[in-house]
Amino acid sequence: MIMNALNIPGSVLGAMNSIRSFNEGEAAVSIQVSATGFLGLIGLVLLSGPINYGKSRMFLKQARDGEDMIFGDLFKGFYDDFGGNIVLALCVVLFTFLWSLLFVIPGIVKGYAYALVFYIKADHPDYDWKTCLNESQRLMQGKKGALFLLDLSFIGWYLVGALCLGVGTLWVAPYVEATKAHFYQNLLIADASGAVPPYAASPEDNDSDAKENHT
């Protein structure tokens, strides 16, 4: 009995050490998972710049010339100002995030204000990130509501695509991208001629643009 009593503290200490080891191991795994997720996010942002540049360039060529799209053009951003495309993607994410800290709505508004940055970069590879952001904001003044409604119009398409186990979205996504390329092209034409595009903005959208601060 005495020996058993003496062994109790040792058993308790052993159990405590086991719990401590488990907690430390769990914390290490948690840190490792968090670090992996963070690195994955950074990698995604870094890849999104060159890919978005190539995608915008590819769909713009098709919208303007009716040429068949070449899949290899999707990777143009990896050797056409690779660093500039990465910086542009990082700035869009950063500024949209900072505006989102004020509230969700300002972040969404800024997201639409920056919607054209990679089309502009595709048209002007020599533009730096700030020029692309400023030009996108200028072209989108009074047009953010129109693009928002355009995005809403595709919800039904995505729902139908999701009903086909998601396979249908493979056809919807290119259609959406082609439509947005035409949206940008129509904005350029209207901007050059001074005409009002067919998707003229509502007064509310113009009022919000007047109040919005630039980056």
N, C-alpha and C. Protein backbone atom coordinates (compact mmCIF):
# COMPACT_ATOMS: atom_id res chain seq x y z
N MET A 1 0.83 -1.20 0.00
CA MET A 1 0.00 0.00 0.00
C MET A 1 0.87 1.25 0.00
N ILE A 2 1.92 1.24 0.86
CA ILE A 2 2.81 2.41 0.93
C ILE A 2 3.48 2.63 -0.41
N MET A 3 3.93 1.52 -1.03
CA MET A 3 4.61 1.65 -2.32
C MET A 3 3.66 2.18 -3.38
N ASN A 4 2.40 1.69 -3.33
CA ASN A 4 1.41 2.17 -4.29
C ASN A 4 1.15 3.65 -4.10
N ALA A 5 1.12 4.08 -2.81
CA ALA A 5 0.88 5.50 -2.53
C ALA A 5 2.03 6.35 -3.03
N LEU A 6 3.26 5.81 -2.89
CA LEU A 6 4.42 6.54 -3.37
C LEU A 6 4.43 6.65 -4.89
N ASN A 7 3.81 5.67 -5.55
CA ASN A 7 3.81 5.67 -7.01
C ASN A 7 2.77 6.62 -7.60
N ILE A 8 1.79 7.06 -6.79
CA ILE A 8 0.72 7.92 -7.29
C ILE A 8 1.27 9.25 -7.80
N PRO A 9 2.12 9.96 -7.00
CA PRO A 9 2.66 11.22 -7.53
C PRO A 9 3.43 11.04 -8.83
N GLY A 10 4.20 9.94 -8.89
CA GLY A 10 4.94 9.68 -10.12
C GLY A 10 4.00 9.47 -11.30
N SER A 11 2.87 8.79 -11.06
CA SER A 11 1.91 8.56 -12.13
C SER A 11 1.27 9.86 -12.57
N VAL A 12 0.97 10.72 -11.58
CA VAL A 12 0.36 12.01 -11.89
C VAL A 12 1.32 12.87 -12.71
N LEU A 13 2.61 12.87 -12.26
CA LEU A 13 3.60 13.65 -13.00
C LEU A 13 3.77 13.12 -14.43
N GLY A 14 3.74 11.78 -14.54
CA GLY A 14 3.86 11.19 -15.87
C GLY A 14 2.69 11.59 -16.76
N ALA A 15 1.49 11.59 -16.18
CA ALA A 15 0.31 11.98 -16.95
C ALA A 15 0.39 13.44 -17.35
N MET A 16 0.87 14.29 -16.41
CA MET A 16 0.99 15.72 -16.71
C MET A 16 2.00 15.96 -17.82
N ASN A 17 3.11 15.21 -17.76
CA ASN A 17 4.12 15.35 -18.81
C ASN A 17 3.57 14.90 -20.16
N SER A 18 2.76 13.84 -20.13
CA SER A 18 2.16 13.36 -21.37
C SER A 18 1.22 14.41 -21.95
N ILE A 19 0.41 15.02 -21.06
CA ILE A 19 -0.51 16.06 -21.51
C ILE A 19 0.25 17.25 -22.07
N ARG A 20 1.37 17.63 -21.35
CA ARG A 20 2.17 18.76 -21.80
C ARG A 20 2.78 18.45 -23.17
N SER A 21 3.27 17.24 -23.34
CA SER A 21 3.87 16.85 -24.61
C SER A 21 2.83 16.86 -25.73
N PHE A 22 1.61 16.39 -25.38
CA PHE A 22 0.54 16.39 -26.38
C PHE A 22 0.17 17.81 -26.79
N ASN A 23 0.06 18.69 -25.79
CA ASN A 23 -0.29 20.10 -26.08
C ASN A 23 0.79 20.77 -26.91
N GLU A 24 2.05 20.49 -26.58
CA GLU A 24 3.15 21.08 -27.35
C GLU A 24 3.14 20.57 -28.78
N GLY A 25 2.88 19.26 -28.91
CA GLY A 25 2.80 18.68 -30.24
C GLY A 25 1.64 19.25 -31.03
N GLU A 26 0.49 19.42 -30.34
CA GLU A 26 -0.69 19.99 -31.00
C GLU A 26 -0.42 21.43 -31.43
N ALA A 27 0.27 22.18 -30.56
CA ALA A 27 0.60 23.57 -30.90
C ALA A 27 1.54 23.63 -32.09
N ALA A 28 2.52 22.71 -32.11
CA ALA A 28 3.47 22.67 -33.22
C ALA A 28 2.76 22.36 -34.53
N VAL A 29 1.82 21.40 -34.47
CA VAL A 29 1.06 21.04 -35.67
C VAL A 29 0.22 22.23 -36.12
N SER A 30 -0.40 22.92 -35.13
CA SER A 30 -1.24 24.08 -35.45
C SER A 30 -0.43 25.18 -36.11
N ILE A 31 0.78 25.43 -35.57
CA ILE A 31 1.66 26.46 -36.15
C ILE A 31 2.07 26.06 -37.56
N GLN A 32 2.38 24.76 -37.72
CA GLN A 32 2.80 24.28 -39.04
C GLN A 32 1.67 24.43 -40.05
N VAL A 33 0.44 24.10 -39.65
CA VAL A 33 -0.70 24.22 -40.55
C VAL A 33 -0.95 25.68 -40.89
N SER A 34 -0.85 26.56 -39.87
CA SER A 34 -1.05 27.99 -40.11
C SER A 34 0.00 28.55 -41.06
N ALA A 35 1.26 28.13 -40.83
CA ALA A 35 2.34 28.60 -41.70
C ALA A 35 2.14 28.10 -43.13
N THR A 36 1.69 26.85 -43.26
CA THR A 36 1.44 26.30 -44.60
C THR A 36 0.31 27.05 -45.29
N GLY A 37 -0.75 27.35 -44.52
CA GLY A 37 -1.86 28.11 -45.09
C GLY A 37 -1.46 29.50 -45.50
N PHE A 38 -0.62 30.15 -44.68
CA PHE A 38 -0.17 31.50 -44.99
C PHE A 38 0.71 31.50 -46.24
N LEU A 39 1.62 30.53 -46.31
CA LEU A 39 2.49 30.44 -47.49
C LEU A 39 1.67 30.13 -48.74
N GLY A 40 0.63 29.29 -48.56
CA GLY A 40 -0.25 28.98 -49.68
C GLY A 40 -0.98 30.21 -50.18
N LEU A 41 -1.43 31.05 -49.22
CA LEU A 41 -2.11 32.29 -49.58
C LEU A 41 -1.18 33.24 -50.33
N ILE A 42 0.05 33.38 -49.83
CA ILE A 42 1.03 34.23 -50.50
C ILE A 42 1.32 33.71 -51.90
N GLY A 43 1.48 32.39 -52.00
CA GLY A 43 1.72 31.80 -53.32
C GLY A 43 0.57 32.04 -54.28
N LEU A 44 -0.66 31.96 -53.76
CA LEU A 44 -1.83 32.21 -54.60
C LEU A 44 -1.86 33.64 -55.11
N VAL A 45 -1.54 34.59 -54.22
CA VAL A 45 -1.51 35.99 -54.61
C VAL A 45 -0.43 36.23 -55.65
N LEU A 46 0.75 35.62 -55.44
CA LEU A 46 1.85 35.80 -56.37
C LEU A 46 1.53 35.24 -57.76
N LEU A 47 0.82 34.12 -57.78
CA LEU A 47 0.45 33.52 -59.06
C LEU A 47 -0.69 34.27 -59.73
N SER A 48 -1.56 34.87 -58.92
CA SER A 48 -2.75 35.51 -59.48
C SER A 48 -2.39 36.69 -60.38
N GLY A 49 -1.30 37.41 -60.06
CA GLY A 49 -0.91 38.55 -60.87
C GLY A 49 -0.58 38.15 -62.30
N PRO A 50 0.42 37.29 -62.51
CA PRO A 50 0.76 36.88 -63.87
C PRO A 50 -0.39 36.18 -64.60
N ILE A 51 -1.15 35.35 -63.87
CA ILE A 51 -2.26 34.63 -64.50
C ILE A 51 -3.36 35.59 -64.93
N ASN A 52 -3.70 36.56 -64.07
CA ASN A 52 -4.74 37.53 -64.43
C ASN A 52 -4.30 38.41 -65.60
N TYR A 53 -3.03 38.73 -65.64
CA TYR A 53 -2.51 39.50 -66.78
C TYR A 53 -2.69 38.71 -68.08
N GLY A 54 -2.25 37.45 -68.06
CA GLY A 54 -2.37 36.61 -69.25
C GLY A 54 -3.81 36.39 -69.65
N LYS A 55 -4.68 36.17 -68.67
CA LYS A 55 -6.10 35.94 -68.95
C LYS A 55 -6.73 37.19 -69.58
N SER A 56 -6.43 38.35 -69.01
CA SER A 56 -6.99 39.60 -69.53
C SER A 56 -6.51 39.86 -70.96
N ARG A 57 -5.23 39.62 -71.18
CA ARG A 57 -4.65 39.84 -72.52
C ARG A 57 -5.29 38.89 -73.54
N MET A 58 -5.50 37.64 -73.12
CA MET A 58 -6.05 36.63 -74.01
C MET A 58 -7.49 36.95 -74.42
N PHE A 59 -8.32 37.34 -73.43
CA PHE A 59 -9.73 37.63 -73.73
C PHE A 59 -9.88 38.96 -74.45
N LEU A 60 -8.99 39.91 -74.20
CA LEU A 60 -9.05 41.18 -74.93
C LEU A 60 -8.76 40.97 -76.42
N LYS A 61 -7.78 40.15 -76.73
CA LYS A 61 -7.46 39.86 -78.13
C LYS A 61 -8.65 39.22 -78.83
N GLN A 62 -9.33 38.33 -78.13
CA GLN A 62 -10.49 37.66 -78.72
C GLN A 62 -11.65 38.64 -78.90
N ALA A 63 -11.84 39.54 -77.92
CA ALA A 63 -12.93 40.50 -77.99
C ALA A 63 -12.72 41.51 -79.12
N ARG A 64 -11.47 41.86 -79.39
CA ARG A 64 -11.18 42.90 -80.38
C ARG A 64 -11.01 42.35 -81.80
N ASP A 65 -10.35 41.23 -81.91
CA ASP A 65 -10.01 40.71 -83.23
C ASP A 65 -10.77 39.44 -83.60
N GLY A 66 -11.46 38.87 -82.63
CA GLY A 66 -12.17 37.62 -82.89
C GLY A 66 -11.25 36.44 -83.13
N GLU A 67 -10.00 36.57 -82.69
CA GLU A 67 -9.03 35.50 -82.91
C GLU A 67 -9.30 34.33 -81.95
N ASP A 68 -8.90 33.16 -82.40
CA ASP A 68 -8.96 32.01 -81.52
C ASP A 68 -7.97 32.20 -80.38
N MET A 69 -8.41 31.86 -79.18
CA MET A 69 -7.54 32.03 -78.02
C MET A 69 -6.51 30.92 -77.96
N ILE A 70 -5.29 31.30 -77.64
CA ILE A 70 -4.19 30.34 -77.49
C ILE A 70 -3.94 30.14 -76.00
N PHE A 71 -4.01 28.90 -75.56
CA PHE A 71 -3.89 28.61 -74.13
C PHE A 71 -2.58 29.10 -73.56
N GLY A 72 -1.53 29.06 -74.35
CA GLY A 72 -0.22 29.50 -73.87
C GLY A 72 -0.18 30.97 -73.49
N ASP A 73 -1.10 31.78 -74.07
CA ASP A 73 -1.13 33.20 -73.73
C ASP A 73 -1.51 33.43 -72.27
N LEU A 74 -2.13 32.43 -71.66
CA LEU A 74 -2.52 32.56 -70.26
C LEU A 74 -1.30 32.78 -69.36
N PHE A 75 -0.13 32.34 -69.82
CA PHE A 75 1.08 32.43 -69.01
C PHE A 75 2.00 33.58 -69.45
N LYS A 76 1.47 34.48 -70.27
CA LYS A 76 2.26 35.62 -70.74
C LYS A 76 2.77 36.47 -69.57
N GLY A 77 1.99 36.54 -68.51
CA GLY A 77 2.36 37.38 -67.38
C GLY A 77 3.60 36.93 -66.64
N PHE A 78 4.07 35.71 -66.92
CA PHE A 78 5.27 35.21 -66.25
C PHE A 78 6.55 35.70 -66.92
N TYR A 79 6.42 36.23 -68.15
CA TYR A 79 7.62 36.79 -68.78
C TYR A 79 7.37 38.18 -69.37
N ASP A 80 6.16 38.71 -69.24
CA ASP A 80 5.89 40.12 -69.57
C ASP A 80 5.76 40.89 -68.26
N ASP A 81 6.84 41.51 -67.81
CA ASP A 81 6.85 42.27 -66.56
C ASP A 81 6.33 41.43 -65.39
N PHE A 82 6.96 40.29 -65.17
CA PHE A 82 6.55 39.36 -64.10
C PHE A 82 6.47 40.06 -62.75
N GLY A 83 7.52 40.82 -62.40
CA GLY A 83 7.54 41.51 -61.12
C GLY A 83 6.43 42.55 -61.01
N GLY A 84 6.20 43.29 -62.10
CA GLY A 84 5.15 44.31 -62.09
C GLY A 84 3.77 43.71 -61.90
N ASN A 85 3.53 42.54 -62.48
CA ASN A 85 2.23 41.87 -62.33
C ASN A 85 2.02 41.39 -60.90
N ILE A 86 3.09 40.92 -60.28
CA ILE A 86 2.99 40.49 -58.88
C ILE A 86 2.70 41.68 -57.97
N VAL A 87 3.44 42.77 -58.17
CA VAL A 87 3.23 43.97 -57.35
C VAL A 87 1.81 44.49 -57.52
N LEU A 88 1.30 44.48 -58.74
CA LEU A 88 -0.05 44.97 -59.00
C LEU A 88 -1.07 44.12 -58.25
N ALA A 89 -0.92 42.80 -58.30
CA ALA A 89 -1.85 41.91 -57.58
C ALA A 89 -1.78 42.15 -56.08
N LEU A 90 -0.57 42.30 -55.54
CA LEU A 90 -0.41 42.54 -54.11
C LEU A 90 -1.06 43.86 -53.70
N CYS A 91 -0.91 44.89 -54.51
CA CYS A 91 -1.49 46.20 -54.19
C CYS A 91 -3.01 46.14 -54.20
N VAL A 92 -3.58 45.45 -55.18
CA VAL A 92 -5.04 45.31 -55.24
C VAL A 92 -5.56 44.61 -53.99
N VAL A 93 -4.91 43.51 -53.62
CA VAL A 93 -5.33 42.77 -52.42
C VAL A 93 -5.17 43.62 -51.17
N LEU A 94 -4.03 44.29 -51.06
CA LEU A 94 -3.74 45.08 -49.86
C LEU A 94 -4.72 46.25 -49.71
N PHE A 95 -4.90 47.03 -50.77
CA PHE A 95 -5.77 48.20 -50.67
C PHE A 95 -7.23 47.80 -50.47
N THR A 96 -7.66 46.72 -51.11
CA THR A 96 -9.03 46.25 -50.92
C THR A 96 -9.23 45.79 -49.47
N PHE A 97 -8.22 45.11 -48.93
CA PHE A 97 -8.29 44.65 -47.53
C PHE A 97 -8.35 45.84 -46.57
N LEU A 98 -7.51 46.84 -46.82
CA LEU A 98 -7.50 48.02 -45.93
C LEU A 98 -8.83 48.76 -45.97
N TRP A 99 -9.42 48.89 -47.15
CA TRP A 99 -10.74 49.52 -47.24
C TRP A 99 -11.80 48.68 -46.56
N SER A 100 -11.63 47.34 -46.59
CA SER A 100 -12.60 46.45 -45.95
C SER A 100 -12.57 46.59 -44.43
N LEU A 101 -11.45 47.07 -43.88
CA LEU A 101 -11.37 47.25 -42.43
C LEU A 101 -12.32 48.35 -41.96
N LEU A 102 -12.63 49.30 -42.83
CA LEU A 102 -13.59 50.34 -42.47
C LEU A 102 -14.99 49.73 -42.31
N PHE A 103 -15.32 48.88 -43.24
CA PHE A 103 -16.57 48.13 -43.24
C PHE A 103 -16.54 47.28 -44.49
N VAL A 104 -17.47 46.36 -44.63
CA VAL A 104 -17.46 45.46 -45.78
C VAL A 104 -17.74 46.23 -47.08
N ILE A 105 -18.70 47.15 -47.04
CA ILE A 105 -19.14 47.84 -48.25
C ILE A 105 -18.00 48.62 -48.92
N PRO A 106 -17.20 49.42 -48.18
CA PRO A 106 -16.10 50.12 -48.85
C PRO A 106 -15.12 49.18 -49.54
N GLY A 107 -14.90 48.01 -48.95
CA GLY A 107 -14.02 47.03 -49.58
C GLY A 107 -14.58 46.52 -50.89
N ILE A 108 -15.89 46.28 -50.92
CA ILE A 108 -16.54 45.83 -52.16
C ILE A 108 -16.46 46.92 -53.22
N VAL A 109 -16.73 48.17 -52.81
CA VAL A 109 -16.68 49.29 -53.75
C VAL A 109 -15.29 49.42 -54.35
N LYS A 110 -14.26 49.32 -53.51
CA LYS A 110 -12.88 49.43 -54.01
C LYS A 110 -12.54 48.25 -54.91
N GLY A 111 -13.07 47.07 -54.56
CA GLY A 111 -12.83 45.92 -55.41
C GLY A 111 -13.33 46.15 -56.83
N TYR A 112 -14.48 46.78 -56.95
CA TYR A 112 -15.01 47.09 -58.28
C TYR A 112 -14.25 48.25 -58.92
N ALA A 113 -13.77 49.18 -58.10
CA ALA A 113 -12.97 50.28 -58.65
C ALA A 113 -11.68 49.76 -59.29
N TYR A 114 -11.14 48.67 -58.75
CA TYR A 114 -9.89 48.09 -59.26
C TYR A 114 -10.14 46.95 -60.27
N ALA A 115 -11.37 46.78 -60.71
CA ALA A 115 -11.73 45.62 -61.53
C ALA A 115 -11.02 45.57 -62.88
N LEU A 116 -10.55 46.71 -63.36
CA LEU A 116 -9.99 46.78 -64.71
C LEU A 116 -8.46 46.81 -64.74
N VAL A 117 -7.83 46.67 -63.59
CA VAL A 117 -6.38 46.91 -63.54
C VAL A 117 -5.59 46.02 -64.49
N PHE A 118 -5.98 44.75 -64.62
CA PHE A 118 -5.18 43.86 -65.46
C PHE A 118 -5.51 44.01 -66.94
N TYR A 119 -6.69 44.48 -67.27
CA TYR A 119 -6.97 44.83 -68.66
C TYR A 119 -6.12 46.04 -69.07
N ILE A 120 -6.02 46.99 -68.15
CA ILE A 120 -5.20 48.18 -68.41
C ILE A 120 -3.73 47.79 -68.52
N LYS A 121 -3.29 46.91 -67.64
CA LYS A 121 -1.90 46.45 -67.69
C LYS A 121 -1.62 45.69 -68.98
N ALA A 122 -2.61 44.92 -69.45
CA ALA A 122 -2.44 44.19 -70.71
C ALA A 122 -2.33 45.14 -71.89
N ASP A 123 -3.08 46.25 -71.83
CA ASP A 123 -3.00 47.25 -72.89
C ASP A 123 -1.74 48.10 -72.80
N HIS A 124 -1.27 48.30 -71.58
CA HIS A 124 -0.10 49.17 -71.34
C HIS A 124 0.89 48.46 -70.41
N PRO A 125 1.67 47.52 -70.93
CA PRO A 125 2.60 46.77 -70.09
C PRO A 125 3.62 47.65 -69.37
N ASP A 126 3.82 48.87 -69.88
CA ASP A 126 4.81 49.76 -69.27
C ASP A 126 4.24 50.52 -68.05
N TYR A 127 2.93 50.46 -67.83
CA TYR A 127 2.33 51.14 -66.69
C TYR A 127 2.78 50.48 -65.38
N ASP A 128 3.05 51.31 -64.36
CA ASP A 128 3.33 50.75 -63.04
C ASP A 128 2.02 50.51 -62.30
N TRP A 129 2.12 49.95 -61.10
CA TRP A 129 0.91 49.57 -60.37
C TRP A 129 0.02 50.76 -60.04
N LYS A 130 0.63 51.89 -59.71
CA LYS A 130 -0.16 53.06 -59.32
C LYS A 130 -0.94 53.61 -60.50
N THR A 131 -0.31 53.66 -61.67
CA THR A 131 -1.00 54.15 -62.86
C THR A 131 -2.16 53.24 -63.22
N CYS A 132 -1.97 51.93 -63.10
CA CYS A 132 -3.05 50.98 -63.40
C CYS A 132 -4.22 51.17 -62.44
N LEU A 133 -3.92 51.34 -61.15
CA LEU A 133 -4.99 51.53 -60.17
C LEU A 133 -5.75 52.83 -60.44
N ASN A 134 -5.01 53.90 -60.69
CA ASN A 134 -5.65 55.20 -60.93
C ASN A 134 -6.50 55.18 -62.19
N GLU A 135 -5.99 54.56 -63.25
CA GLU A 135 -6.73 54.51 -64.50
C GLU A 135 -7.99 53.65 -64.37
N SER A 136 -7.89 52.55 -63.62
CA SER A 136 -9.07 51.71 -63.38
C SER A 136 -10.13 52.48 -62.61
N GLN A 137 -9.70 53.21 -61.59
CA GLN A 137 -10.66 54.01 -60.82
C GLN A 137 -11.31 55.08 -61.68
N ARG A 138 -10.53 55.68 -62.58
CA ARG A 138 -11.08 56.72 -63.44
C ARG A 138 -12.14 56.15 -64.39
N LEU A 139 -11.80 55.02 -65.03
CA LEU A 139 -12.74 54.42 -65.97
C LEU A 139 -13.99 53.88 -65.28
N MET A 140 -13.85 53.47 -64.03
CA MET A 140 -14.97 52.86 -63.31
C MET A 140 -15.83 53.89 -62.58
N GLN A 141 -15.49 55.15 -62.67
CA GLN A 141 -16.33 56.17 -62.04
C GLN A 141 -17.72 56.15 -62.66
N GLY A 142 -18.70 55.91 -61.83
CA GLY A 142 -20.07 55.83 -62.30
C GLY A 142 -20.45 54.53 -62.98
N LYS A 143 -19.52 53.55 -63.02
CA LYS A 143 -19.78 52.30 -63.73
C LYS A 143 -19.74 51.08 -62.80
N LYS A 144 -19.39 51.31 -61.54
CA LYS A 144 -19.27 50.17 -60.61
C LYS A 144 -20.61 49.47 -60.42
N GLY A 145 -21.68 50.25 -60.35
CA GLY A 145 -23.01 49.64 -60.20
C GLY A 145 -23.37 48.79 -61.40
N ALA A 146 -22.98 49.24 -62.61
CA ALA A 146 -23.27 48.47 -63.82
C ALA A 146 -22.53 47.13 -63.81
N LEU A 147 -21.26 47.15 -63.39
CA LEU A 147 -20.49 45.91 -63.34
C LEU A 147 -21.03 44.99 -62.24
N PHE A 148 -21.47 45.58 -61.14
CA PHE A 148 -22.06 44.78 -60.06
C PHE A 148 -23.31 44.05 -60.56
N LEU A 149 -24.18 44.76 -61.28
CA LEU A 149 -25.38 44.15 -61.83
C LEU A 149 -25.03 43.09 -62.87
N LEU A 150 -23.97 43.34 -63.62
CA LEU A 150 -23.51 42.35 -64.60
C LEU A 150 -23.08 41.07 -63.89
N ASP A 151 -22.36 41.22 -62.78
CA ASP A 151 -21.95 40.05 -62.00
C ASP A 151 -23.17 39.29 -61.45
N LEU A 152 -24.16 40.04 -60.99
CA LEU A 152 -25.37 39.40 -60.46
C LEU A 152 -26.09 38.59 -61.52
N SER A 153 -26.01 39.05 -62.76
CA SER A 153 -26.73 38.36 -63.84
C SER A 153 -26.17 36.96 -64.11
N PHE A 154 -24.97 36.68 -63.62
CA PHE A 154 -24.36 35.38 -63.85
C PHE A 154 -24.62 34.37 -62.72
N ILE A 155 -25.30 34.81 -61.67
CA ILE A 155 -25.54 33.91 -60.54
C ILE A 155 -26.31 32.68 -60.98
N GLY A 156 -27.34 32.89 -61.78
CA GLY A 156 -28.13 31.75 -62.27
C GLY A 156 -27.30 30.78 -63.08
N TRP A 157 -26.39 31.32 -63.89
CA TRP A 157 -25.52 30.46 -64.68
C TRP A 157 -24.64 29.59 -63.78
N TYR A 158 -24.09 30.21 -62.74
CA TYR A 158 -23.24 29.45 -61.82
C TYR A 158 -24.03 28.40 -61.06
N LEU A 159 -25.27 28.71 -60.69
CA LEU A 159 -26.11 27.73 -59.98
C LEU A 159 -26.40 26.52 -60.88
N VAL A 160 -26.71 26.79 -62.15
CA VAL A 160 -26.95 25.68 -63.08
C VAL A 160 -25.67 24.86 -63.25
N GLY A 161 -24.52 25.57 -63.34
CA GLY A 161 -23.25 24.86 -63.47
C GLY A 161 -22.94 24.01 -62.25
N ALA A 162 -23.31 24.52 -61.06
CA ALA A 162 -23.07 23.77 -59.82
C ALA A 162 -23.94 22.52 -59.75
N LEU A 163 -25.13 22.56 -60.34
CA LEU A 163 -26.02 21.39 -60.35
C LEU A 163 -25.42 20.24 -61.15
N CYS A 164 -24.52 20.57 -62.05
CA CYS A 164 -23.84 19.54 -62.85
C CYS A 164 -22.53 19.13 -62.19
N LEU A 165 -22.55 19.06 -60.87
CA LEU A 165 -21.37 18.69 -60.08
C LEU A 165 -20.21 19.66 -60.30
N GLY A 166 -20.54 20.90 -60.63
CA GLY A 166 -19.52 21.92 -60.80
C GLY A 166 -18.87 21.93 -62.17
N VAL A 167 -19.14 20.89 -62.97
CA VAL A 167 -18.50 20.80 -64.28
C VAL A 167 -19.01 21.91 -65.19
N GLY A 168 -20.27 22.29 -65.01
CA GLY A 168 -20.85 23.33 -65.87
C GLY A 168 -20.16 24.68 -65.73
N THR A 169 -19.57 24.92 -64.57
CA THR A 169 -18.90 26.21 -64.37
C THR A 169 -17.67 26.36 -65.26
N LEU A 170 -17.15 25.25 -65.78
CA LEU A 170 -16.02 25.32 -66.70
C LEU A 170 -16.40 26.02 -67.99
N TRP A 171 -17.69 25.99 -68.34
CA TRP A 171 -18.18 26.71 -69.51
C TRP A 171 -18.66 28.11 -69.16
N VAL A 172 -19.13 28.28 -67.93
CA VAL A 172 -19.64 29.59 -67.52
C VAL A 172 -18.50 30.59 -67.35
N ALA A 173 -17.41 30.17 -66.69
CA ALA A 173 -16.30 31.08 -66.38
C ALA A 173 -15.72 31.76 -67.62
N PRO A 174 -15.43 31.04 -68.71
CA PRO A 174 -14.92 31.74 -69.90
C PRO A 174 -15.93 32.74 -70.48
N TYR A 175 -17.22 32.40 -70.42
CA TYR A 175 -18.24 33.33 -70.90
C TYR A 175 -18.25 34.61 -70.08
N VAL A 176 -18.11 34.46 -68.77
CA VAL A 176 -18.06 35.63 -67.88
C VAL A 176 -16.85 36.49 -68.20
N GLU A 177 -15.70 35.86 -68.38
CA GLU A 177 -14.47 36.60 -68.68
C GLU A 177 -14.57 37.32 -70.02
N ALA A 178 -15.16 36.68 -71.02
CA ALA A 178 -15.33 37.31 -72.32
C ALA A 178 -16.26 38.52 -72.22
N THR A 179 -17.32 38.39 -71.41
CA THR A 179 -18.25 39.49 -71.23
C THR A 179 -17.57 40.68 -70.57
N LYS A 180 -16.73 40.41 -69.57
CA LYS A 180 -16.03 41.50 -68.88
C LYS A 180 -14.99 42.17 -69.79
N ALA A 181 -14.38 41.39 -70.68
CA ALA A 181 -13.45 41.98 -71.63
C ALA A 181 -14.19 42.95 -72.56
N HIS A 182 -15.40 42.57 -72.98
CA HIS A 182 -16.21 43.46 -73.81
C HIS A 182 -16.67 44.68 -73.00
N PHE A 183 -16.94 44.48 -71.73
CA PHE A 183 -17.31 45.60 -70.86
C PHE A 183 -16.19 46.64 -70.83
N TYR A 184 -14.97 46.18 -70.67
CA TYR A 184 -13.81 47.07 -70.66
C TYR A 184 -13.63 47.75 -72.01
N GLN A 185 -13.77 46.98 -73.09
CA GLN A 185 -13.60 47.55 -74.43
C GLN A 185 -14.65 48.62 -74.71
N ASN A 186 -15.88 48.39 -74.28
CA ASN A 186 -16.94 49.39 -74.48
C ASN A 186 -16.66 50.65 -73.66
N LEU A 187 -16.09 50.47 -72.47
CA LEU A 187 -15.72 51.63 -71.66
C LEU A 187 -14.66 52.47 -72.37
N LEU A 188 -13.69 51.82 -72.97
CA LEU A 188 -12.64 52.54 -73.69
C LEU A 188 -13.21 53.33 -74.87
N ILE A 189 -14.11 52.69 -75.60
CA ILE A 189 -14.72 53.35 -76.75
C ILE A 189 -15.52 54.57 -76.30
N ALA A 190 -16.32 54.39 -75.24
CA ALA A 190 -17.12 55.50 -74.72
C ALA A 190 -16.23 56.61 -74.17
N ASP A 191 -15.12 56.22 -73.52
CA ASP A 191 -14.21 57.21 -72.94
C ASP A 191 -13.53 58.02 -74.04
N ALA A 192 -13.17 57.37 -75.14
CA ALA A 192 -12.49 58.06 -76.23
C ALA A 192 -13.42 59.00 -76.99
N SER A 193 -14.69 58.60 -77.11
CA SER A 193 -15.65 59.40 -77.88
C SER A 193 -16.42 60.39 -77.04
N GLY A 194 -16.34 60.21 -75.71
CA GLY A 194 -17.10 61.06 -74.82
C GLY A 194 -18.57 60.69 -74.76
N ALA A 195 -18.93 59.55 -75.36
CA ALA A 195 -20.32 59.11 -75.36
C ALA A 195 -20.67 58.40 -74.06
N VAL A 196 -21.94 58.32 -73.79
CA VAL A 196 -22.41 57.59 -72.61
C VAL A 196 -22.63 56.14 -73.02
N PRO A 197 -21.98 55.19 -72.37
CA PRO A 197 -22.15 53.79 -72.75
C PRO A 197 -23.58 53.32 -72.49
N PRO A 198 -24.00 52.21 -73.11
CA PRO A 198 -25.38 51.74 -72.95
C PRO A 198 -25.73 51.34 -71.53
N TYR A 199 -24.72 51.08 -70.70
CA TYR A 199 -24.99 50.72 -69.31
C TYR A 199 -24.75 51.93 -68.42
N ALA A 200 -25.34 53.08 -68.78
CA ALA A 200 -25.13 54.33 -68.03
C ALA A 200 -25.43 54.12 -66.56
N ALA A 201 -24.62 54.74 -65.72
CA ALA A 201 -24.73 54.54 -64.28
C ALA A 201 -25.93 55.25 -63.71
N SER A 202 -26.37 54.76 -62.58
CA SER A 202 -27.47 55.39 -61.87
C SER A 202 -26.95 56.61 -61.12
N PRO A 203 -27.82 57.55 -60.76
CA PRO A 203 -27.38 58.71 -59.99
C PRO A 203 -26.74 58.33 -58.67
N GLU A 204 -27.24 57.23 -58.07
CA GLU A 204 -26.67 56.81 -56.78
C GLU A 204 -25.22 56.41 -56.94
N ASP A 205 -24.92 55.73 -58.05
CA ASP A 205 -23.54 55.30 -58.29
C ASP A 205 -22.64 56.49 -58.51
N ASN A 206 -23.13 57.51 -59.24
CA ASN A 206 -22.34 58.70 -59.47
C ASN A 206 -22.10 59.46 -58.18
N ASP A 207 -23.13 59.50 -57.30
CA ASP A 207 -22.96 60.17 -56.01
C ASP A 207 -21.91 59.49 -55.17
N SER A 208 -21.90 58.16 -55.17
CA SER A 208 -20.92 57.43 -54.36
C SER A 208 -19.52 57.67 -54.89
N ASP A 209 -19.38 57.80 -56.23
CA ASP A 209 -18.07 58.06 -56.82
C ASP A 209 -17.57 59.44 -56.43
N ALA A 210 -18.48 60.41 -56.35
CA ALA A 210 -18.08 61.76 -56.01
C ALA A 210 -17.54 61.85 -54.59
N LYS A 211 -18.07 60.97 -53.73
CA LYS A 211 -17.65 60.98 -52.32
C LYS A 211 -16.43 60.11 -52.06
N GLU A 212 -16.13 59.25 -53.00
CA GLU A 212 -15.06 58.25 -52.77
C GLU A 212 -13.70 58.89 -52.88
N ASN A 213 -12.81 58.55 -51.97
CA ASN A 213 -11.44 59.04 -52.01
C ASN A 213 -10.60 58.14 -52.88
N HIS A 214 -9.58 58.73 -53.54
CA HIS A 214 -8.66 57.92 -54.34
C HIS A 214 -7.66 57.26 -53.39
N THR A 215 -6.99 56.23 -53.96
CA THR A 215 -6.03 55.47 -53.17
C THR A 215 -4.89 56.36 -52.69
